Amino acid sequence: MKQEDDFYMREALREAEKAYALAEVPIGAVLVDAAGEIIARGHNLRERDHDATAHAEMIAIRAACAALGRWRLSGLTLYVTIEPCPMCAGAIVMSRVDRVVYGGTDRKAGACESLFNIPGHPALNHHPEVTAGVLEVECAGIMKRFFRERRERKKAGAQKDIDKNPGRV
């Protein structure tokens, strides 16, 4: 599984790069069937679409449902660069995805193992298998780079404001 997981996570990273290029938080996802075919792809589009639900996982899940003509996504594996949030983890359970593979842990909003364990909650009727840490360094790295650059741009913008109005600090 290791080689396959790495391959599909690289595909999810390609989606994350698309989000990065759009100044979106760089998270990418792909849904893969048992034969190894990528059924759907997604990357964050919250800023572009002005939609709080436009997470990579949600976009990929919607696309897979449309492509397959069904809401039950049993038989599929979701590869996502960062641990899903509560909303996405709920959608994963409700859409019956069989397996979730993620790269980096999200200690602020992770809902597969970090803060919550929605896929493993005993009260729910579906429990996808969860695999964490696939290409973790690469997946976490794109996030770190994105937020570092964003902080630098914000700091540079603040410095420009100070330079324009030095008496208003």
C-alpha atoms as a PDB file:
ATOM      1  CA  MET A   1       0.000   0.000   0.000  1.00  0.00           C
ATOM      2  CA  LYS A   2       2.868   2.397   0.739  1.00  0.00           C
ATOM      3  CA  GLN A   3       3.771   3.012  -2.921  1.00  0.00           C
ATOM      4  CA  GLU A   4       0.131   3.394  -3.928  1.00  0.00           C
ATOM      5  CA  ASP A   5      -0.552   5.739  -1.036  1.00  0.00           C
ATOM      6  CA  ASP A   6       2.474   7.875  -1.960  1.00  0.00           C
ATOM      7  CA  PHE A   7       1.373   8.011  -5.616  1.00  0.00           C
ATOM      8  CA  TYR A   8      -2.155   9.182  -4.857  1.00  0.00           C
ATOM      9  CA  MET A   9      -0.997  11.596  -2.170  1.00  0.00           C
ATOM     10  CA  ARG A  10       1.231  13.215  -4.811  1.00  0.00           C
ATOM     11  CA  GLU A  11      -1.908  13.658  -6.891  1.00  0.00           C
ATOM     12  CA  ALA A  12      -3.578  15.328  -3.906  1.00  0.00           C
ATOM     13  CA  LEU A  13      -0.489  17.549  -3.556  1.00  0.00           C
ATOM     14  CA  ARG A  14      -0.950  18.602  -7.205  1.00  0.00           C
ATOM     15  CA  GLU A  15      -4.442  19.725  -6.253  1.00  0.00           C
ATOM     16  CA  ALA A  16      -3.030  21.593  -3.248  1.00  0.00           C
ATOM     17  CA  GLU A  17      -0.643  23.434  -5.589  1.00  0.00           C
ATOM     18  CA  LYS A  18      -3.662  24.545  -7.641  1.00  0.00           C
ATOM     19  CA  ALA A  19      -5.208  26.024  -4.502  1.00  0.00           C
ATOM     20  CA  TYR A  20      -1.880  27.666  -3.618  1.00  0.00           C
ATOM     21  CA  ALA A  21      -1.742  29.328  -7.042  1.00  0.00           C
ATOM     22  CA  LEU A  22      -5.181  30.824  -6.338  1.00  0.00           C
ATOM     23  CA  ALA A  23      -4.084  32.125  -2.905  1.00  0.00           C
ATOM     24  CA  GLU A  24      -6.356  29.544  -1.278  1.00  0.00           C
ATOM     25  CA  VAL A  25      -5.224  27.493   1.706  1.00  0.00           C
ATOM     26  CA  PRO A  26      -3.319  24.743  -0.147  1.00  0.00           C
ATOM     27  CA  ILE A  27      -5.227  21.569   0.576  1.00  0.00           C
ATOM     28  CA  GLY A  28      -5.900  19.007  -2.121  1.00  0.00           C
ATOM     29  CA  ALA A  29      -7.865  15.774  -2.318  1.00  0.00           C
ATOM     30  CA  VAL A  30      -8.503  12.884  -4.682  1.00  0.00           C
ATOM     31  CA  LEU A  31     -10.972  10.004  -4.471  1.00  0.00           C
ATOM     32  CA  VAL A  32      -9.754   6.693  -5.884  1.00  0.00           C
ATOM     33  CA  ASP A  33     -11.696   3.511  -6.631  1.00  0.00           C
ATOM     34  CA  ALA A  34     -10.582  -0.055  -5.925  1.00  0.00           C
ATOM     35  CA  ALA A  35      -9.141  -0.385  -9.437  1.00  0.00           C
ATOM     36  CA  GLY A  36      -6.882   2.610  -8.813  1.00  0.00           C
ATOM     37  CA  GLU A  37      -8.772   5.077 -10.990  1.00  0.00           C
ATOM     38  CA  ILE A  38      -9.036   8.641  -9.748  1.00  0.00           C
ATOM     39  CA  ILE A  39     -12.782   9.309  -9.722  1.00  0.00           C
ATOM     40  CA  ALA A  40     -12.696  12.908  -8.492  1.00  0.00           C
ATOM     41  CA  ARG A  41     -10.354  15.709  -7.485  1.00  0.00           C
ATOM     42  CA  GLY A  42     -10.711  18.808  -5.390  1.00  0.00           C
ATOM     43  CA  HIS A  43      -8.802  21.692  -3.879  1.00  0.00           C
ATOM     44  CA  ASN A  44      -9.839  24.490  -1.565  1.00  0.00           C
ATOM     45  CA  LEU A  45     -11.939  27.205  -3.215  1.00  0.00           C
ATOM     46  CA  ARG A  46     -13.442  28.983  -0.204  1.00  0.00           C
ATOM     47  CA  GLU A  47     -12.086  32.418  -1.082  1.00  0.00           C
ATOM     48  CA  ARG A  48     -12.888  32.216  -4.783  1.00  0.00           C
ATOM     49  CA  ASP A  49     -16.389  30.853  -4.282  1.00  0.00           C
ATOM     50  CA  HIS A  50     -17.164  32.748  -1.058  1.00  0.00           C
ATOM     51  CA  ASP A  51     -18.303  29.391   0.295  1.00  0.00           C
ATOM     52  CA  ALA A  52     -17.337  28.087   3.728  1.00  0.00           C
ATOM     53  CA  THR A  53     -18.028  24.530   2.539  1.00  0.00           C
ATOM     54  CA  ALA A  54     -15.695  24.679  -0.487  1.00  0.00           C
ATOM     55  CA  HIS A  55     -13.038  22.499   1.144  1.00  0.00           C
ATOM     56  CA  ALA A  56     -10.983  20.142  -1.014  1.00  0.00           C
ATOM     57  CA  GLU A  57     -12.681  17.066   0.455  1.00  0.00           C
ATOM     58  CA  MET A  58     -16.192  18.433  -0.024  1.00  0.00           C
ATOM     59  CA  ILE A  59     -15.484  19.364  -3.630  1.00  0.00           C
ATOM     60  CA  ALA A  60     -14.029  15.914  -4.344  1.00  0.00           C
ATOM     61  CA  ILE A  61     -16.957  14.170  -2.625  1.00  0.00           C
ATOM     62  CA  ARG A  62     -19.515  16.182  -4.622  1.00  0.00           C
ATOM     63  CA  ALA A  63     -17.637  15.477  -7.867  1.00  0.00           C
ATOM     64  CA  ALA A  64     -17.441  11.743  -7.108  1.00  0.00           C
ATOM     65  CA  CYS A  65     -21.167  11.594  -6.330  1.00  0.00           C
ATOM     66  CA  ALA A  66     -21.903  13.321  -9.640  1.00  0.00           C
ATOM     67  CA  ALA A  67     -19.482  11.132 -11.602  1.00  0.00           C
ATOM     68  CA  LEU A  68     -20.802   7.890 -10.125  1.00  0.00           C
ATOM     69  CA  GLY A  69     -24.455   8.917  -9.950  1.00  0.00           C
ATOM     70  CA  ARG A  70     -24.812   7.958  -6.313  1.00  0.00           C
ATOM     71  CA  TRP A  71     -24.274   9.410  -2.853  1.00  0.00           C
ATOM     72  CA  ARG A  72     -22.777   6.265  -1.323  1.00  0.00           C
ATOM     73  CA  LEU A  73     -19.071   6.299  -2.036  1.00  0.00           C
ATOM     74  CA  SER A  74     -18.311   2.867  -0.650  1.00  0.00           C
ATOM     75  CA  GLY A  75     -15.326   1.268  -2.356  1.00  0.00           C
ATOM     76  CA  LEU A  76     -13.447   4.583  -2.551  1.00  0.00           C
ATOM     77  CA  THR A  77     -10.383   5.901  -0.767  1.00  0.00           C
ATOM     78  CA  LEU A  78      -9.984   9.614  -0.095  1.00  0.00           C
ATOM     79  CA  TYR A  79      -6.459  11.016  -0.172  1.00  0.00           C
ATOM     80  CA  VAL A  80      -6.172  14.477   1.356  1.00  0.00           C
ATOM     81  CA  THR A  81      -3.077  16.489   2.156  1.00  0.00           C
ATOM     82  CA  ILE A  82      -4.188  17.639   5.617  1.00  0.00           C
ATOM     83  CA  GLU A  83      -6.323  15.901   8.241  1.00  0.00           C
ATOM     84  CA  PRO A  84     -10.007  16.611   7.555  1.00  0.00           C
ATOM     85  CA  CYS A  85     -11.927  19.112   9.687  1.00  0.00           C
ATOM     86  CA  PRO A  86     -15.186  18.194  11.478  1.00  0.00           C
ATOM     87  CA  MET A  87     -17.349  19.170   8.497  1.00  0.00           C
ATOM     88  CA  CYS A  88     -15.305  17.109   6.059  1.00  0.00           C
ATOM     89  CA  ALA A  89     -14.931  14.167   8.443  1.00  0.00           C
ATOM     90  CA  GLY A  90     -18.721  14.158   8.811  1.00  0.00           C
ATOM     91  CA  ALA A  91     -19.174  14.189   5.040  1.00  0.00           C
ATOM     92  CA  ILE A  92     -16.691  11.328   4.721  1.00  0.00           C
ATOM     93  CA  VAL A  93     -18.684   9.229   7.183  1.00  0.00           C
ATOM     94  CA  MET A  94     -22.056  10.179   5.700  1.00  0.00           C
ATOM     95  CA  SER A  95     -20.923   9.432   2.132  1.00  0.00           C
ATOM     96  CA  ARG A  96     -19.591   6.011   3.227  1.00  0.00           C
ATOM     97  CA  VAL A  97     -16.017   6.489   1.959  1.00  0.00           C
ATOM     98  CA  ASP A  98     -14.144   3.282   2.919  1.00  0.00           C
ATOM     99  CA  ARG A  99     -10.740   4.722   3.675  1.00  0.00           C
ATOM    100  CA  VAL A 100      -9.187   8.113   4.422  1.00  0.00           C
ATOM    101  CA  VAL A 101      -5.478   8.725   3.902  1.00  0.00           C
ATOM    102  CA  TYR A 102      -4.086  12.065   4.980  1.00  0.00           C
ATOM    103  CA  GLY A 103      -0.674  13.671   5.060  1.00  0.00           C
ATOM    104  CA  GLY A 104      -0.274  16.349   7.703  1.00  0.00           C
ATOM    105  CA  THR A 105      -1.978  16.506  11.060  1.00  0.00           C
ATOM    106  CA  ASP A 106      -4.198  19.500  11.802  1.00  0.00           C
ATOM    107  CA  ARG A 107      -3.824  20.230  15.493  1.00  0.00           C
ATOM    108  CA  LYS A 108      -6.275  23.160  15.311  1.00  0.00           C
ATOM    109  CA  ALA A 109      -9.189  21.547  13.491  1.00  0.00           C
ATOM    110  CA  GLY A 110      -8.354  17.888  12.811  1.00  0.00           C
ATOM    111  CA  ALA A 111     -11.326  15.589  13.178  1.00  0.00           C
ATOM    112  CA  CYS A 112      -9.950  12.169  12.266  1.00  0.00           C
ATOM    113  CA  GLU A 113      -7.559  11.790  15.177  1.00  0.00           C
ATOM    114  CA  SER A 114      -6.072  15.064  16.458  1.00  0.00           C
ATOM    115  CA  LEU A 115      -8.871  16.969  18.187  1.00  0.00           C
ATOM    116  CA  PHE A 116     -11.780  14.678  17.390  1.00  0.00           C
ATOM    117  CA  ASN A 117     -12.209  11.199  15.967  1.00  0.00           C
ATOM    118  CA  ILE A 118     -15.397  11.470  13.977  1.00  0.00           C
ATOM    119  CA  PRO A 119     -14.657   8.465  11.705  1.00  0.00           C
ATOM    120  CA  GLY A 120     -14.102   6.283  14.762  1.00  0.00           C
ATOM    121  CA  HIS A 121     -16.963   7.559  16.890  1.00  0.00           C
ATOM    122  CA  PRO A 122     -18.828   4.512  18.225  1.00  0.00           C
ATOM    123  CA  ALA A 123     -22.261   6.105  17.858  1.00  0.00           C
ATOM    124  CA  LEU A 124     -21.907   6.439  14.088  1.00  0.00           C
ATOM    125  CA  ASN A 125     -22.907   3.635  11.724  1.00  0.00           C
ATOM    126  CA  HIS A 126     -19.908   3.882   9.368  1.00  0.00           C
ATOM    127  CA  HIS A 127     -16.233   3.798  10.333  1.00  0.00           C
ATOM    128  CA  PRO A 128     -13.785   4.388   7.503  1.00  0.00           C
ATOM    129  CA  GLU A 129     -10.244   3.161   7.934  1.00  0.00           C
ATOM    130  CA  VAL A 130      -7.860   6.062   8.599  1.00  0.00           C
ATOM    131  CA  THR A 131      -4.180   6.192   7.626  1.00  0.00           C
ATOM    132  CA  ALA A 132      -2.177   9.226   8.719  1.00  0.00           C
ATOM    133  CA  GLY A 133       1.233  10.641   7.866  1.00  0.00           C
ATOM    134  CA  VAL A 134       1.560   9.755   4.179  1.00  0.00           C
ATOM    135  CA  LEU A 135       4.069  12.210   2.663  1.00  0.00           C
ATOM    136  CA  GLU A 136       3.609  14.205   5.848  1.00  0.00           C
ATOM    137  CA  VAL A 137       6.686  16.397   5.342  1.00  0.00           C
ATOM    138  CA  GLU A 138       5.576  17.472   1.860  1.00  0.00           C
ATOM    139  CA  CYS A 139       1.953  17.986   2.883  1.00  0.00           C
ATOM    140  CA  ALA A 140       2.825  20.024   5.959  1.00  0.00           C
ATOM    141  CA  GLY A 141       5.532  21.854   4.027  1.00  0.00           C
ATOM    142  CA  ILE A 142       3.187  23.423   1.479  1.00  0.00           C
ATOM    143  CA  MET A 143       0.981  24.676   4.324  1.00  0.00           C
ATOM    144  CA  LYS A 144       3.939  26.128   6.223  1.00  0.00           C
ATOM    145  CA  ARG A 145       5.232  27.840   3.080  1.00  0.00           C
ATOM    146  CA  PHE A 146       1.792  29.296   2.308  1.00  0.00           C
ATOM    147  CA  PHE A 147       1.234  30.735   5.781  1.00  0.00           C
ATOM    148  CA  ARG A 148       4.821  31.995   6.072  1.00  0.00           C
ATOM    149  CA  GLU A 149       4.452  33.878   2.774  1.00  0.00           C
ATOM    150  CA  ARG A 150       1.067  35.207   3.846  1.00  0.00           C
ATOM    151  CA  ARG A 151       2.516  36.518   7.128  1.00  0.00           C
ATOM    152  CA  GLU A 152       5.409  38.128   5.216  1.00  0.00           C
ATOM    153  CA  ARG A 153       3.004  39.822   2.781  1.00  0.00           C
ATOM    154  CA  LYS A 154       0.876  41.060   5.661  1.00  0.00           C
ATOM    155  CA  LYS A 155       3.937  42.374   7.490  1.00  0.00           C
ATOM    156  CA  ALA A 156       5.199  44.079   4.313  1.00  0.00           C
ATOM    157  CA  GLY A 157       1.773  45.678   3.841  1.00  0.00           C
ATOM    158  CA  ALA A 158       1.771  46.932   7.425  1.00  0.00           C
ATOM    159  CA  GLN A 159       5.262  48.359   6.932  1.00  0.00           C
ATOM    160  CA  LYS A 160       4.071  50.199   3.797  1.00  0.00           C
ATOM    161  CA  ASP A 161       1.242  51.738   5.855  1.00  0.00           C
ATOM    162  CA  ILE A 162       3.748  52.864   8.500  1.00  0.00           C
ATOM    163  CA  ASP A 163       6.027  54.313   5.809  1.00  0.00           C
ATOM    164  CA  LYS A 164       3.096  56.275   4.322  1.00  0.00           C
ATOM    165  CA  ASN A 165       1.915  57.589   7.708  1.00  0.00           C
ATOM    166  CA  PRO A 166       4.925  57.590  10.053  1.00  0.00           C
ATOM    167  CA  GLY A 167       3.145  59.678  12.697  1.00  0.00           C
ATOM    168  CA  ARG A 168       0.240  57.226  12.980  1.00  0.00           C
ATOM    169  CA  VAL A 169       1.924  54.266  14.595  1.00  0.00           C
END
